[in-house]
Amino acid sequence: MLELVPSLMLIVLLLFIGLIVYLNSALYQPLINFMDQRDMTIAKDREESQKLTSSADELKREAEEILSSAKQEANQLKHEAKSKVEAEAEAMIKAKEAELEKAYASFLQELEKEREEIKNGILSQVPLIKEALKAKFSQL
Protein backbone atom coordinates (compact mmCIF):
# COMPACT_ATOMS: atom_id res chain seq x y z
CA MET A 1 0.00 0.00 0.00
CA LEU A 2 1.61 3.09 1.07
CA GLU A 3 5.25 2.79 1.25
CA LEU A 4 7.53 5.19 3.01
CA VAL A 5 10.62 5.99 1.07
CA PRO A 6 13.16 7.66 3.36
CA SER A 7 15.19 9.19 0.52
CA LEU A 8 12.07 10.76 -0.93
CA MET A 9 11.12 12.05 2.50
CA LEU A 10 14.61 13.50 2.92
CA ILE A 11 14.39 15.24 -0.46
CA VAL A 12 10.96 16.68 0.38
CA LEU A 13 12.27 17.83 3.76
CA LEU A 14 15.32 19.48 2.14
CA LEU A 15 13.09 21.12 -0.47
CA PHE A 16 10.73 22.35 2.23
CA ILE A 17 13.61 23.80 4.30
CA GLY A 18 15.13 25.31 1.14
CA LEU A 19 11.76 26.84 0.23
CA ILE A 20 11.38 28.32 3.74
CA VAL A 21 14.91 29.79 3.61
CA TYR A 22 14.31 31.18 0.12
CA LEU A 23 10.90 32.66 1.03
CA ASN A 24 12.34 34.09 4.25
CA SER A 25 15.16 35.87 2.43
CA ALA A 26 13.21 36.84 -0.71
CA LEU A 27 9.78 37.67 0.70
CA TYR A 28 9.45 37.75 4.48
CA GLN A 29 12.57 39.76 5.42
CA PRO A 30 11.87 42.58 2.87
CA LEU A 31 8.24 42.66 3.98
CA ILE A 32 9.24 42.88 7.66
CA ASN A 33 11.83 45.57 6.85
CA PHE A 34 9.20 47.54 4.91
CA MET A 35 6.74 47.31 7.82
CA ASP A 36 9.43 48.40 10.30
CA GLN A 37 10.33 51.39 8.10
CA ARG A 38 6.66 52.28 7.77
CA ASP A 39 6.24 52.17 11.56
CA MET A 40 9.30 54.41 12.00
CA THR A 41 7.97 56.83 9.37
CA ILE A 42 4.59 56.96 11.09
CA ALA A 43 6.24 57.60 14.46
CA LYS A 44 8.43 60.34 12.97
CA ASP A 45 5.40 61.93 11.28
CA ARG A 46 3.50 61.89 14.59
CA GLU A 47 6.39 63.63 16.34
CA GLU A 48 6.58 66.26 13.58
CA SER A 49 2.82 66.69 13.73
CA GLN A 50 2.98 67.26 17.50
CA LYS A 51 5.84 69.74 17.05
CA LEU A 52 3.91 71.59 14.35
CA THR A 53 0.77 71.61 16.49
CA SER A 54 2.63 73.05 19.47
CA SER A 55 4.36 75.53 17.17
CA ALA A 56 1.01 76.53 15.68
CA ASP A 57 -0.47 76.96 19.16
CA GLU A 58 2.48 79.13 20.17
CA LEU A 59 2.17 81.22 17.01
CA LYS A 60 -1.56 81.60 17.59
CA ARG A 61 -0.91 82.77 21.16
CA GLU A 62 1.71 85.24 19.94
CA ALA A 63 -0.69 86.52 17.25
CA GLU A 64 -3.40 87.01 19.89
CA GLU A 65 -0.95 88.91 22.11
CA ILE A 66 0.12 91.11 19.20
CA LEU A 67 -3.50 91.73 18.27
CA SER A 68 -4.37 92.56 21.87
CA SER A 69 -1.49 95.01 22.19
CA ALA A 70 -2.38 96.56 18.82
CA LYS A 71 -5.97 97.06 20.00
CA GLN A 72 -4.75 98.68 23.21
CA GLU A 73 -2.39 100.93 21.28
CA ALA A 74 -5.17 101.86 18.84
CA ASN A 75 -7.49 102.71 21.72
CA GLN A 76 -4.77 104.80 23.34
CA LEU A 77 -4.05 106.64 20.08
CA LYS A 78 -7.77 107.18 19.57
CA HIS A 79 -8.13 108.58 23.09
CA GLU A 80 -5.10 110.87 22.62
CA ALA A 81 -6.40 112.10 19.26
CA LYS A 82 -9.83 112.71 20.76
CA SER A 83 -8.31 114.64 23.67
CA LYS A 84 -6.19 116.70 21.28
CA VAL A 85 -9.17 117.51 19.07
CA GLU A 86 -11.27 118.43 22.11
CA ALA A 87 -8.51 120.74 23.36
CA GLU A 88 -8.21 122.37 19.93
CA ALA A 89 -11.99 122.77 19.72
CA GLU A 90 -12.05 124.30 23.19
CA ALA A 91 -9.30 126.74 22.21
CA MET A 92 -11.18 127.65 19.04
CA ILE A 93 -14.38 128.17 21.02
CA LYS A 94 -12.61 130.43 23.50
CA ALA A 95 -10.99 132.41 20.67
CA LYS A 96 -14.37 132.80 18.94
CA GLU A 97 -16.00 133.83 22.23
CA ALA A 98 -13.30 136.46 22.76
CA GLU A 99 -13.77 137.68 19.20
CA LEU A 100 -17.54 137.87 19.68
CA GLU A 101 -17.12 139.70 22.99
CA LYS A 102 -14.88 142.20 21.24
CA ALA A 103 -17.37 142.62 18.40
CA TYR A 104 -20.21 142.98 20.92
CA ALA A 105 -18.30 145.66 22.85
CA SER A 106 -17.58 147.48 19.58
CA PHE A 107 -21.26 147.20 18.61
CA LEU A 108 -22.32 148.62 21.98
CA GLN A 109 -19.93 151.56 21.54
CA GLU A 110 -21.27 152.27 18.06
CA LEU A 111 -24.81 151.96 19.35
CA GLU A 112 -24.05 154.42 22.14
CA LYS A 113 -22.50 156.84 19.61
CA GLU A 114 -25.57 156.57 17.38
CA ARG A 115 -27.80 157.11 20.40
CA GLU A 116 -25.87 160.22 21.34
CA GLU A 117 -26.03 161.48 17.74
CA ILE A 118 -29.77 160.83 17.56
CA LYS A 119 -30.24 162.47 20.97
CA ASN A 120 -28.20 165.48 19.89
CA GLY A 121 -30.11 165.58 16.60
CA ILE A 122 -33.45 165.50 18.41
CA LEU A 123 -32.31 168.07 20.97
CA SER A 124 -31.17 170.37 18.19
CA GLN A 125 -34.60 170.07 16.59
CA VAL A 126 -36.58 170.63 19.84
CA PRO A 127 -36.97 174.40 19.25
CA LEU A 128 -38.28 173.71 15.75
CA ILE A 129 -40.71 171.13 17.09
CA LYS A 130 -41.87 173.59 19.78
CA GLU A 131 -42.47 176.20 17.15
CA ALA A 132 -44.35 173.75 14.98
CA LEU A 133 -46.50 172.69 17.93
CA LYS A 134 -47.22 176.30 18.85
CA ALA A 135 -48.20 176.97 15.24
CA LYS A 136 -50.53 173.94 15.22
CA PHE A 137 -52.11 174.87 18.53
CA SER A 138 -52.63 178.41 17.40
CA GLN A 139 -54.43 177.16 14.34
CA LEU A 140 -56.81 175.19 16.45
C-alpha atoms as a PDB file:
ATOM      1  CA  MET A   1       0.000   0.000   0.000  1.00  0.00           C
ATOM      2  CA  LEU A   2       1.610   3.090   1.074  1.00  0.00           C
ATOM      3  CA  GLU A   3       5.249   2.793   1.250  1.00  0.00           C
ATOM      4  CA  LEU A   4       7.527   5.190   3.011  1.00  0.00           C
ATOM      5  CA  VAL A   5      10.617   5.994   1.069  1.00  0.00           C
ATOM      6  CA  PRO A   6      13.161   7.656   3.356  1.00  0.00           C
ATOM      7  CA  SER A   7      15.188   9.189   0.521  1.00  0.00           C
ATOM      8  CA  LEU A   8      12.070  10.756  -0.927  1.00  0.00           C
ATOM      9  CA  MET A   9      11.115  12.050   2.504  1.00  0.00           C
ATOM     10  CA  LEU A  10      14.605  13.502   2.917  1.00  0.00           C
ATOM     11  CA  ILE A  11      14.392  15.240  -0.462  1.00  0.00           C
ATOM     12  CA  VAL A  12      10.957  16.683   0.383  1.00  0.00           C
ATOM     13  CA  LEU A  13      12.273  17.830   3.758  1.00  0.00           C
ATOM     14  CA  LEU A  14      15.316  19.475   2.138  1.00  0.00           C
ATOM     15  CA  LEU A  15      13.090  21.125  -0.474  1.00  0.00           C
ATOM     16  CA  PHE A  16      10.728  22.346   2.230  1.00  0.00           C
ATOM     17  CA  ILE A  17      13.615  23.797   4.301  1.00  0.00           C
ATOM     18  CA  GLY A  18      15.126  25.306   1.140  1.00  0.00           C
ATOM     19  CA  LEU A  19      11.762  26.844   0.233  1.00  0.00           C
ATOM     20  CA  ILE A  20      11.384  28.316   3.744  1.00  0.00           C
ATOM     21  CA  VAL A  21      14.909  29.787   3.609  1.00  0.00           C
ATOM     22  CA  TYR A  22      14.306  31.185   0.124  1.00  0.00           C
ATOM     23  CA  LEU A  23      10.896  32.657   1.032  1.00  0.00           C
ATOM     24  CA  ASN A  24      12.338  34.088   4.250  1.00  0.00           C
ATOM     25  CA  SER A  25      15.163  35.868   2.426  1.00  0.00           C
ATOM     26  CA  ALA A  26      13.215  36.835  -0.711  1.00  0.00           C
ATOM     27  CA  LEU A  27       9.782  37.668   0.701  1.00  0.00           C
ATOM     28  CA  TYR A  28       9.452  37.750   4.482  1.00  0.00           C
ATOM     29  CA  GLN A  29      12.569  39.763   5.417  1.00  0.00           C
ATOM     30  CA  PRO A  30      11.871  42.582   2.866  1.00  0.00           C
ATOM     31  CA  LEU A  31       8.238  42.657   3.977  1.00  0.00           C
ATOM     32  CA  ILE A  32       9.238  42.879   7.657  1.00  0.00           C
ATOM     33  CA  ASN A  33      11.834  45.569   6.852  1.00  0.00           C
ATOM     34  CA  PHE A  34       9.196  47.540   4.910  1.00  0.00           C
ATOM     35  CA  MET A  35       6.737  47.306   7.820  1.00  0.00           C
ATOM     36  CA  ASP A  36       9.429  48.404  10.297  1.00  0.00           C
ATOM     37  CA  GLN A  37      10.332  51.392   8.103  1.00  0.00           C
ATOM     38  CA  ARG A  38       6.658  52.279   7.766  1.00  0.00           C
ATOM     39  CA  ASP A  39       6.243  52.171  11.560  1.00  0.00           C
ATOM     40  CA  MET A  40       9.303  54.412  12.005  1.00  0.00           C
ATOM     41  CA  THR A  41       7.973  56.831   9.371  1.00  0.00           C
ATOM     42  CA  ILE A  42       4.589  56.957  11.086  1.00  0.00           C
ATOM     43  CA  ALA A  43       6.242  57.596  14.460  1.00  0.00           C
ATOM     44  CA  LYS A  44       8.430  60.340  12.970  1.00  0.00           C
ATOM     45  CA  ASP A  45       5.395  61.932  11.284  1.00  0.00           C
ATOM     46  CA  ARG A  46       3.503  61.893  14.590  1.00  0.00           C
ATOM     47  CA  GLU A  47       6.390  63.635  16.335  1.00  0.00           C
ATOM     48  CA  GLU A  48       6.583  66.259  13.581  1.00  0.00           C
ATOM     49  CA  SER A  49       2.821  66.692  13.735  1.00  0.00           C
ATOM     50  CA  GLN A  50       2.977  67.265  17.500  1.00  0.00           C
ATOM     51  CA  LYS A  51       5.839  69.743  17.047  1.00  0.00           C
ATOM     52  CA  LEU A  52       3.905  71.589  14.351  1.00  0.00           C
ATOM     53  CA  THR A  53       0.771  71.607  16.489  1.00  0.00           C
ATOM     54  CA  SER A  54       2.628  73.046  19.472  1.00  0.00           C
ATOM     55  CA  SER A  55       4.363  75.529  17.167  1.00  0.00           C
ATOM     56  CA  ALA A  56       1.007  76.534  15.676  1.00  0.00           C
ATOM     57  CA  ASP A  57      -0.471  76.963  19.160  1.00  0.00           C
ATOM     58  CA  GLU A  58       2.477  79.131  20.170  1.00  0.00           C
ATOM     59  CA  LEU A  59       2.169  81.221  17.008  1.00  0.00           C
ATOM     60  CA  LYS A  60      -1.562  81.602  17.592  1.00  0.00           C
ATOM     61  CA  ARG A  61      -0.914  82.769  21.157  1.00  0.00           C
ATOM     62  CA  GLU A  62       1.711  85.240  19.936  1.00  0.00           C
ATOM     63  CA  ALA A  63      -0.690  86.516  17.251  1.00  0.00           C
ATOM     64  CA  GLU A  64      -3.396  87.008  19.886  1.00  0.00           C
ATOM     65  CA  GLU A  65      -0.949  88.910  22.114  1.00  0.00           C
ATOM     66  CA  ILE A  66       0.125  91.111  19.205  1.00  0.00           C
ATOM     67  CA  LEU A  67      -3.501  91.729  18.272  1.00  0.00           C
ATOM     68  CA  SER A  68      -4.372  92.559  21.867  1.00  0.00           C
ATOM     69  CA  SER A  69      -1.486  95.007  22.194  1.00  0.00           C
ATOM     70  CA  ALA A  70      -2.384  96.559  18.825  1.00  0.00           C
ATOM     71  CA  LYS A  71      -5.973  97.055  19.996  1.00  0.00           C
ATOM     72  CA  GLN A  72      -4.754  98.675  23.212  1.00  0.00           C
ATOM     73  CA  GLU A  73      -2.394 100.927  21.275  1.00  0.00           C
ATOM     74  CA  ALA A  74      -5.170 101.861  18.838  1.00  0.00           C
ATOM     75  CA  ASN A  75      -7.489 102.708  21.724  1.00  0.00           C
ATOM     76  CA  GLN A  76      -4.766 104.795  23.339  1.00  0.00           C
ATOM     77  CA  LEU A  77      -4.051 106.640  20.076  1.00  0.00           C
ATOM     78  CA  LYS A  78      -7.773 107.178  19.573  1.00  0.00           C
ATOM     79  CA  HIS A  79      -8.125 108.576  23.089  1.00  0.00           C
ATOM     80  CA  GLU A  80      -5.097 110.865  22.616  1.00  0.00           C
ATOM     81  CA  ALA A  81      -6.398 112.103  19.264  1.00  0.00           C
ATOM     82  CA  LYS A  82      -9.829 112.713  20.761  1.00  0.00           C
ATOM     83  CA  SER A  83      -8.308 114.641  23.666  1.00  0.00           C
ATOM     84  CA  LYS A  84      -6.187 116.701  21.280  1.00  0.00           C
ATOM     85  CA  VAL A  85      -9.175 117.510  19.066  1.00  0.00           C
ATOM     86  CA  GLU A  86     -11.271 118.429  22.109  1.00  0.00           C
ATOM     87  CA  ALA A  87      -8.505 120.737  23.357  1.00  0.00           C
ATOM     88  CA  GLU A  88      -8.206 122.369  19.935  1.00  0.00           C
ATOM     89  CA  ALA A  89     -11.989 122.771  19.717  1.00  0.00           C
ATOM     90  CA  GLU A  90     -12.053 124.298  23.194  1.00  0.00           C
ATOM     91  CA  ALA A  91      -9.302 126.740  22.209  1.00  0.00           C
ATOM     92  CA  MET A  92     -11.182 127.650  19.035  1.00  0.00           C
ATOM     93  CA  ILE A  93     -14.381 128.175  21.018  1.00  0.00           C
ATOM     94  CA  LYS A  94     -12.610 130.432  23.502  1.00  0.00           C
ATOM     95  CA  ALA A  95     -10.994 132.407  20.667  1.00  0.00           C
ATOM     96  CA  LYS A  96     -14.369 132.797  18.937  1.00  0.00           C
ATOM     97  CA  GLU A  97     -16.003 133.831  22.234  1.00  0.00           C
ATOM     98  CA  ALA A  98     -13.300 136.460  22.763  1.00  0.00           C
ATOM     99  CA  GLU A  99     -13.770 137.683  19.204  1.00  0.00           C
ATOM    100  CA  LEU A 100     -17.545 137.867  19.677  1.00  0.00           C
ATOM    101  CA  GLU A 101     -17.124 139.701  22.993  1.00  0.00           C
ATOM    102  CA  LYS A 102     -14.876 142.202  21.239  1.00  0.00           C
ATOM    103  CA  ALA A 103     -17.368 142.616  18.403  1.00  0.00           C
ATOM    104  CA  TYR A 104     -20.208 142.979  20.921  1.00  0.00           C
ATOM    105  CA  ALA A 105     -18.303 145.658  22.845  1.00  0.00           C
ATOM    106  CA  SER A 106     -17.575 147.482  19.581  1.00  0.00           C
ATOM    107  CA  PHE A 107     -21.258 147.202  18.608  1.00  0.00           C
ATOM    108  CA  LEU A 108     -22.322 148.623  21.977  1.00  0.00           C
ATOM    109  CA  GLN A 109     -19.931 151.565  21.543  1.00  0.00           C
ATOM    110  CA  GLU A 110     -21.266 152.270  18.058  1.00  0.00           C
ATOM    111  CA  LEU A 111     -24.815 151.960  19.347  1.00  0.00           C
ATOM    112  CA  GLU A 112     -24.048 154.416  22.137  1.00  0.00           C
ATOM    113  CA  LYS A 113     -22.503 156.844  19.609  1.00  0.00           C
ATOM    114  CA  GLU A 114     -25.572 156.574  17.377  1.00  0.00           C
ATOM    115  CA  ARG A 115     -27.797 157.110  20.395  1.00  0.00           C
ATOM    116  CA  GLU A 116     -25.870 160.219  21.337  1.00  0.00           C
ATOM    117  CA  GLU A 117     -26.034 161.475  17.740  1.00  0.00           C
ATOM    118  CA  ILE A 118     -29.765 160.832  17.557  1.00  0.00           C
ATOM    119  CA  LYS A 119     -30.244 162.468  20.973  1.00  0.00           C
ATOM    120  CA  ASN A 120     -28.202 165.481  19.894  1.00  0.00           C
ATOM    121  CA  GLY A 121     -30.114 165.581  16.603  1.00  0.00           C
ATOM    122  CA  ILE A 122     -33.451 165.504  18.413  1.00  0.00           C
ATOM    123  CA  LEU A 123     -32.307 168.072  20.970  1.00  0.00           C
ATOM    124  CA  SER A 124     -31.170 170.367  18.188  1.00  0.00           C
ATOM    125  CA  GLN A 125     -34.600 170.073  16.593  1.00  0.00           C
ATOM    126  CA  VAL A 126     -36.583 170.627  19.841  1.00  0.00           C
ATOM    127  CA  PRO A 127     -36.973 174.397  19.251  1.00  0.00           C
ATOM    128  CA  LEU A 128     -38.285 173.712  15.745  1.00  0.00           C
ATOM    129  CA  ILE A 129     -40.706 171.126  17.094  1.00  0.00           C
ATOM    130  CA  LYS A 130     -41.875 173.590  19.784  1.00  0.00           C
ATOM    131  CA  GLU A 131     -42.474 176.203  17.148  1.00  0.00           C
ATOM    132  CA  ALA A 132     -44.346 173.753  14.977  1.00  0.00           C
ATOM    133  CA  LEU A 133     -46.502 172.695  17.933  1.00  0.00           C
ATOM    134  CA  LYS A 134     -47.219 176.304  18.845  1.00  0.00           C
ATOM    135  CA  ALA A 135     -48.203 176.965  15.243  1.00  0.00           C
ATOM    136  CA  LYS A 136     -50.526 173.940  15.223  1.00  0.00           C
ATOM    137  CA  PHE A 137     -52.108 174.869  18.532  1.00  0.00           C
ATOM    138  CA  SER A 138     -52.626 178.407  17.397  1.00  0.00           C
ATOM    139  CA  GLN A 139     -54.432 177.160  14.338  1.00  0.00           C
ATOM    140  CA  LEU A 140     -56.808 175.194  16.455  1.00  0.00           C
END
